[in-house]
Amino acid sequence: MPKYLVQASYTLEGAKGLLTEGGSGRRAASEQAVASCGGTLEAMYFAYGDADLYCIVDFPDRLSMAAVAMAVRASGAVQSKAIPLLAVEEIDEAAKRSKSVEFRSPGS
């Protein structure tokens, strides 16, 4: 299953909601949203800095990730981005395949 790192920041309204229901409430809501498209919430951490929240999620396909992202963003409570994650074994396979890539660098 495709795995993603989701980086999110709450808007003013989202931050007010977080203060009202706490982190546990947001985790439950996130688990429900992810599960509604066949995914699982592997990890969820709140943070200081550029982002308020980091999640690792698994989905059965890319469209499921896109559906959840669109629904969450449409709420207006969260701004987010999803970063596809690759397993070590997937990088091994990509490295093997890279040997057959035909590429001409600029100016050569």
N, C-alpha and C. Protein backbone atom coordinates (compact mmCIF):
# COMPACT_ATOMS: atom_id res chain seq x y z
N MET A 1 0.85 -1.18 0.00
CA MET A 1 0.00 0.00 0.00
C MET A 1 0.89 1.24 0.00
N PRO A 2 0.54 2.23 -0.79
CA PRO A 2 1.30 3.48 -0.77
C PRO A 2 1.27 4.12 0.62
N LYS A 3 2.42 4.63 1.02
CA LYS A 3 2.58 5.25 2.33
C LYS A 3 2.94 6.72 2.11
N TYR A 4 2.39 7.59 2.98
CA TYR A 4 2.61 9.03 2.85
C TYR A 4 2.95 9.65 4.19
N LEU A 5 3.78 10.68 4.12
CA LEU A 5 4.00 11.57 5.25
C LEU A 5 3.13 12.78 5.01
N VAL A 6 2.19 13.03 5.90
CA VAL A 6 1.30 14.18 5.76
C VAL A 6 1.76 15.25 6.75
N GLN A 7 1.99 16.42 6.22
CA GLN A 7 2.43 17.58 7.00
C GLN A 7 1.26 18.56 6.98
N ALA A 8 0.78 18.97 8.17
CA ALA A 8 -0.40 19.81 8.21
C ALA A 8 -0.24 20.97 9.19
N SER A 9 -0.93 22.04 8.89
CA SER A 9 -0.98 23.21 9.77
C SER A 9 -2.43 23.63 9.92
N TYR A 10 -2.82 23.93 11.14
CA TYR A 10 -4.19 24.36 11.39
C TYR A 10 -4.37 25.83 11.03
N THR A 11 -5.53 26.14 10.49
CA THR A 11 -5.93 27.53 10.30
C THR A 11 -6.41 28.04 11.67
N LEU A 12 -6.79 29.28 11.74
CA LEU A 12 -7.29 29.84 12.99
C LEU A 12 -8.48 29.02 13.51
N GLU A 13 -9.42 28.70 12.63
CA GLU A 13 -10.59 27.91 13.04
C GLU A 13 -10.18 26.50 13.46
N GLY A 14 -9.25 25.92 12.75
CA GLY A 14 -8.77 24.59 13.10
C GLY A 14 -8.09 24.57 14.46
N ALA A 15 -7.30 25.60 14.75
CA ALA A 15 -6.62 25.70 16.05
C ALA A 15 -7.64 25.83 17.18
N LYS A 16 -8.71 26.57 16.94
CA LYS A 16 -9.77 26.70 17.95
C LYS A 16 -10.41 25.34 18.21
N GLY A 17 -10.64 24.58 17.16
CA GLY A 17 -11.19 23.24 17.30
C GLY A 17 -10.27 22.32 18.06
N LEU A 18 -8.97 22.42 17.80
CA LEU A 18 -7.99 21.60 18.52
C LEU A 18 -8.02 21.93 20.01
N LEU A 19 -8.11 23.20 20.35
CA LEU A 19 -8.19 23.59 21.75
C LEU A 19 -9.45 23.03 22.42
N THR A 20 -10.53 22.93 21.68
CA THR A 20 -11.79 22.43 22.22
C THR A 20 -11.77 20.93 22.45
N GLU A 21 -11.29 20.16 21.46
CA GLU A 21 -11.38 18.70 21.58
C GLU A 21 -10.06 18.00 21.87
N GLY A 22 -8.96 18.72 21.85
CA GLY A 22 -7.67 18.13 22.19
C GLY A 22 -7.10 17.25 21.10
N GLY A 23 -5.89 16.79 21.36
CA GLY A 23 -5.18 15.95 20.40
C GLY A 23 -5.83 14.60 20.18
N SER A 24 -6.38 14.01 21.26
CA SER A 24 -7.02 12.70 21.13
C SER A 24 -8.24 12.77 20.22
N GLY A 25 -8.98 13.84 20.32
CA GLY A 25 -10.15 14.01 19.46
C GLY A 25 -9.76 14.15 18.00
N ARG A 26 -8.67 14.86 17.75
CA ARG A 26 -8.20 15.02 16.37
C ARG A 26 -7.64 13.72 15.83
N ARG A 27 -6.98 12.94 16.69
CA ARG A 27 -6.48 11.64 16.23
C ARG A 27 -7.65 10.74 15.83
N ALA A 28 -8.70 10.71 16.65
CA ALA A 28 -9.88 9.89 16.33
C ALA A 28 -10.51 10.34 15.01
N ALA A 29 -10.61 11.65 14.80
CA ALA A 29 -11.18 12.17 13.56
C ALA A 29 -10.30 11.81 12.36
N SER A 30 -8.99 11.88 12.55
CA SER A 30 -8.05 11.53 11.47
C SER A 30 -8.14 10.05 11.13
N GLU A 31 -8.19 9.21 12.16
CA GLU A 31 -8.31 7.77 11.94
C GLU A 31 -9.58 7.45 11.16
N GLN A 32 -10.68 8.11 11.52
CA GLN A 32 -11.95 7.88 10.84
C GLN A 32 -11.88 8.30 9.38
N ALA A 33 -11.30 9.47 9.12
CA ALA A 33 -11.20 9.97 7.74
C ALA A 33 -10.35 9.03 6.89
N VAL A 34 -9.22 8.60 7.41
CA VAL A 34 -8.32 7.72 6.68
C VAL A 34 -8.98 6.36 6.44
N ALA A 35 -9.61 5.81 7.48
CA ALA A 35 -10.26 4.50 7.37
C ALA A 35 -11.43 4.53 6.39
N SER A 36 -12.09 5.68 6.26
CA SER A 36 -13.24 5.77 5.35
C SER A 36 -12.85 5.53 3.90
N CYS A 37 -11.57 5.65 3.59
CA CYS A 37 -11.06 5.38 2.23
C CYS A 37 -10.15 4.16 2.21
N GLY A 38 -10.28 3.30 3.22
CA GLY A 38 -9.52 2.05 3.23
C GLY A 38 -8.10 2.15 3.74
N GLY A 39 -7.74 3.29 4.34
CA GLY A 39 -6.38 3.48 4.80
C GLY A 39 -6.22 3.27 6.30
N THR A 40 -4.98 3.38 6.75
CA THR A 40 -4.68 3.29 8.18
C THR A 40 -3.77 4.45 8.58
N LEU A 41 -3.98 4.95 9.77
CA LEU A 41 -3.13 5.99 10.36
C LEU A 41 -2.07 5.27 11.16
N GLU A 42 -0.84 5.28 10.67
CA GLU A 42 0.26 4.56 11.32
C GLU A 42 0.82 5.34 12.50
N ALA A 43 0.97 6.65 12.34
CA ALA A 43 1.53 7.48 13.41
C ALA A 43 1.01 8.89 13.25
N MET A 44 0.91 9.59 14.39
CA MET A 44 0.45 10.99 14.38
C MET A 44 1.19 11.72 15.49
N TYR A 45 1.83 12.83 15.12
CA TYR A 45 2.59 13.62 16.08
C TYR A 45 2.30 15.10 15.89
N PHE A 46 2.09 15.80 16.99
CA PHE A 46 1.99 17.24 16.97
C PHE A 46 3.39 17.81 17.12
N ALA A 47 3.62 18.99 16.57
CA ALA A 47 4.97 19.56 16.56
C ALA A 47 4.92 21.08 16.64
N TYR A 48 6.08 21.65 16.90
CA TYR A 48 6.27 23.10 16.86
C TYR A 48 7.01 23.41 15.57
N GLY A 49 6.81 24.58 15.03
CA GLY A 49 7.57 24.97 13.84
C GLY A 49 6.68 25.25 12.66
N ASP A 50 7.18 24.92 11.47
CA ASP A 50 6.45 25.22 10.24
C ASP A 50 5.12 24.47 10.15
N ALA A 51 5.06 23.27 10.69
CA ALA A 51 3.84 22.47 10.65
C ALA A 51 3.39 22.16 12.07
N ASP A 52 2.08 22.00 12.23
CA ASP A 52 1.52 21.67 13.53
C ASP A 52 1.40 20.17 13.75
N LEU A 53 1.40 19.42 12.66
CA LEU A 53 1.05 18.01 12.75
C LEU A 53 1.77 17.22 11.66
N TYR A 54 2.23 16.03 12.03
CA TYR A 54 2.83 15.10 11.07
C TYR A 54 2.14 13.75 11.26
N CYS A 55 1.73 13.15 10.15
CA CYS A 55 1.10 11.82 10.18
C CYS A 55 1.77 10.93 9.14
N ILE A 56 1.81 9.66 9.45
CA ILE A 56 2.20 8.66 8.47
C ILE A 56 0.97 7.81 8.23
N VAL A 57 0.54 7.76 6.97
CA VAL A 57 -0.68 7.04 6.61
C VAL A 57 -0.41 6.07 5.47
N ASP A 58 -1.18 4.99 5.45
CA ASP A 58 -1.15 4.01 4.36
C ASP A 58 -2.50 4.03 3.68
N PHE A 59 -2.50 3.98 2.36
CA PHE A 59 -3.75 3.92 1.59
C PHE A 59 -3.64 2.82 0.56
N PRO A 60 -4.79 2.27 0.15
CA PRO A 60 -4.74 1.21 -0.86
C PRO A 60 -4.29 1.71 -2.24
N ASP A 61 -4.45 3.02 -2.49
CA ASP A 61 -4.06 3.57 -3.78
C ASP A 61 -3.92 5.09 -3.67
N ARG A 62 -3.37 5.72 -4.70
CA ARG A 62 -3.14 7.17 -4.69
C ARG A 62 -4.43 7.97 -4.67
N LEU A 63 -5.47 7.46 -5.32
CA LEU A 63 -6.73 8.19 -5.37
C LEU A 63 -7.39 8.29 -4.00
N SER A 64 -7.22 7.28 -3.17
CA SER A 64 -7.75 7.33 -1.81
C SER A 64 -7.07 8.43 -1.01
N MET A 65 -5.77 8.56 -1.17
CA MET A 65 -5.04 9.65 -0.49
C MET A 65 -5.55 10.98 -0.98
N ALA A 66 -5.74 11.11 -2.28
CA ALA A 66 -6.21 12.37 -2.85
C ALA A 66 -7.61 12.71 -2.36
N ALA A 67 -8.48 11.72 -2.24
CA ALA A 67 -9.85 11.96 -1.78
C ALA A 67 -9.86 12.49 -0.35
N VAL A 68 -9.08 11.88 0.52
CA VAL A 68 -9.02 12.34 1.91
C VAL A 68 -8.42 13.74 1.97
N ALA A 69 -7.35 13.97 1.24
CA ALA A 69 -6.70 15.29 1.25
C ALA A 69 -7.67 16.38 0.79
N MET A 70 -8.43 16.11 -0.27
CA MET A 70 -9.37 17.11 -0.76
C MET A 70 -10.47 17.40 0.25
N ALA A 71 -11.01 16.36 0.88
CA ALA A 71 -12.08 16.54 1.86
C ALA A 71 -11.58 17.31 3.08
N VAL A 72 -10.39 16.98 3.55
CA VAL A 72 -9.84 17.66 4.73
C VAL A 72 -9.54 19.12 4.41
N ARG A 73 -8.91 19.37 3.28
CA ARG A 73 -8.60 20.76 2.91
C ARG A 73 -9.85 21.59 2.68
N ALA A 74 -10.89 20.97 2.13
CA ALA A 74 -12.13 21.68 1.85
C ALA A 74 -12.81 22.15 3.14
N SER A 75 -12.46 21.54 4.27
CA SER A 75 -13.06 21.97 5.54
C SER A 75 -12.62 23.39 5.91
N GLY A 76 -11.47 23.81 5.37
CA GLY A 76 -10.93 25.12 5.70
C GLY A 76 -10.21 25.18 7.04
N ALA A 77 -10.15 24.05 7.75
CA ALA A 77 -9.53 24.02 9.07
C ALA A 77 -8.06 23.64 9.03
N VAL A 78 -7.63 23.09 7.89
CA VAL A 78 -6.27 22.55 7.79
C VAL A 78 -5.69 22.86 6.42
N GLN A 79 -4.41 23.19 6.41
CA GLN A 79 -3.62 23.24 5.18
C GLN A 79 -2.63 22.10 5.27
N SER A 80 -2.49 21.33 4.19
CA SER A 80 -1.63 20.15 4.29
C SER A 80 -0.93 19.85 2.98
N LYS A 81 0.07 18.98 3.10
CA LYS A 81 0.70 18.41 1.91
C LYS A 81 1.04 16.97 2.24
N ALA A 82 0.98 16.13 1.22
CA ALA A 82 1.27 14.71 1.38
C ALA A 82 2.52 14.38 0.58
N ILE A 83 3.45 13.74 1.22
CA ILE A 83 4.72 13.38 0.60
C ILE A 83 4.77 11.86 0.47
N PRO A 84 4.84 11.33 -0.77
CA PRO A 84 4.94 9.88 -0.92
C PRO A 84 6.23 9.35 -0.30
N LEU A 85 6.12 8.24 0.40
CA LEU A 85 7.29 7.62 1.03
C LEU A 85 7.60 6.31 0.32
N LEU A 86 8.88 6.03 0.15
CA LEU A 86 9.34 4.80 -0.50
C LEU A 86 10.11 3.96 0.49
N ALA A 87 9.85 2.67 0.49
CA ALA A 87 10.57 1.73 1.35
C ALA A 87 12.00 1.54 0.81
N VAL A 88 12.87 1.08 1.64
CA VAL A 88 14.26 0.83 1.26
C VAL A 88 14.31 -0.12 0.06
N GLU A 89 13.49 -1.15 0.08
CA GLU A 89 13.47 -2.11 -1.01
C GLU A 89 13.00 -1.48 -2.33
N GLU A 90 12.11 -0.51 -2.24
CA GLU A 90 11.66 0.19 -3.45
C GLU A 90 12.79 1.03 -4.03
N ILE A 91 13.58 1.63 -3.18
CA ILE A 91 14.75 2.40 -3.66
C ILE A 91 15.76 1.46 -4.30
N ASP A 92 15.93 0.27 -3.72
CA ASP A 92 16.83 -0.72 -4.33
C ASP A 92 16.39 -1.03 -5.75
N GLU A 93 15.08 -1.24 -5.94
CA GLU A 93 14.55 -1.55 -7.27
C GLU A 93 14.72 -0.35 -8.20
N ALA A 94 14.46 0.85 -7.69
CA ALA A 94 14.63 2.06 -8.52
C ALA A 94 16.09 2.22 -8.94
N ALA A 95 17.01 1.91 -8.04
CA ALA A 95 18.43 2.01 -8.38
C ALA A 95 18.78 1.05 -9.51
N LYS A 96 18.24 -0.15 -9.47
CA LYS A 96 18.47 -1.12 -10.54
C LYS A 96 17.91 -0.59 -11.87
N ARG A 97 16.69 -0.06 -11.81
CA ARG A 97 16.06 0.44 -13.03
C ARG A 97 16.76 1.68 -13.58
N SER A 98 17.39 2.46 -12.71
CA SER A 98 18.03 3.70 -13.17
C SER A 98 19.17 3.43 -14.14
N LYS A 99 19.73 2.23 -14.10
CA LYS A 99 20.83 1.88 -14.99
C LYS A 99 20.38 1.81 -16.44
N SER A 100 19.08 1.62 -16.68
CA SER A 100 18.59 1.53 -18.05
C SER A 100 17.95 2.84 -18.54
N VAL A 101 18.01 3.88 -17.71
CA VAL A 101 17.44 5.17 -18.10
C VAL A 101 18.36 5.84 -19.12
N GLU A 102 17.80 6.30 -20.21
CA GLU A 102 18.57 7.01 -21.21
C GLU A 102 18.36 8.49 -21.00
N PHE A 103 19.42 9.19 -20.62
CA PHE A 103 19.33 10.61 -20.30
C PHE A 103 20.56 11.32 -20.83
N ARG A 104 20.31 12.47 -21.47
CA ARG A 104 21.39 13.31 -21.95
C ARG A 104 21.36 14.58 -21.10
N SER A 105 22.46 14.86 -20.40
CA SER A 105 22.48 16.05 -19.55
C SER A 105 22.53 17.33 -20.41
N PRO A 106 22.06 18.43 -19.87
CA PRO A 106 22.03 19.69 -20.64
C PRO A 106 23.43 20.06 -21.14
N GLY A 107 23.50 20.45 -22.39
CA GLY A 107 24.75 20.91 -22.97
C GLY A 107 25.68 19.81 -23.44
N SER A 108 25.30 18.56 -23.25
CA SER A 108 26.23 17.49 -23.69
C SER A 108 25.84 16.94 -25.04
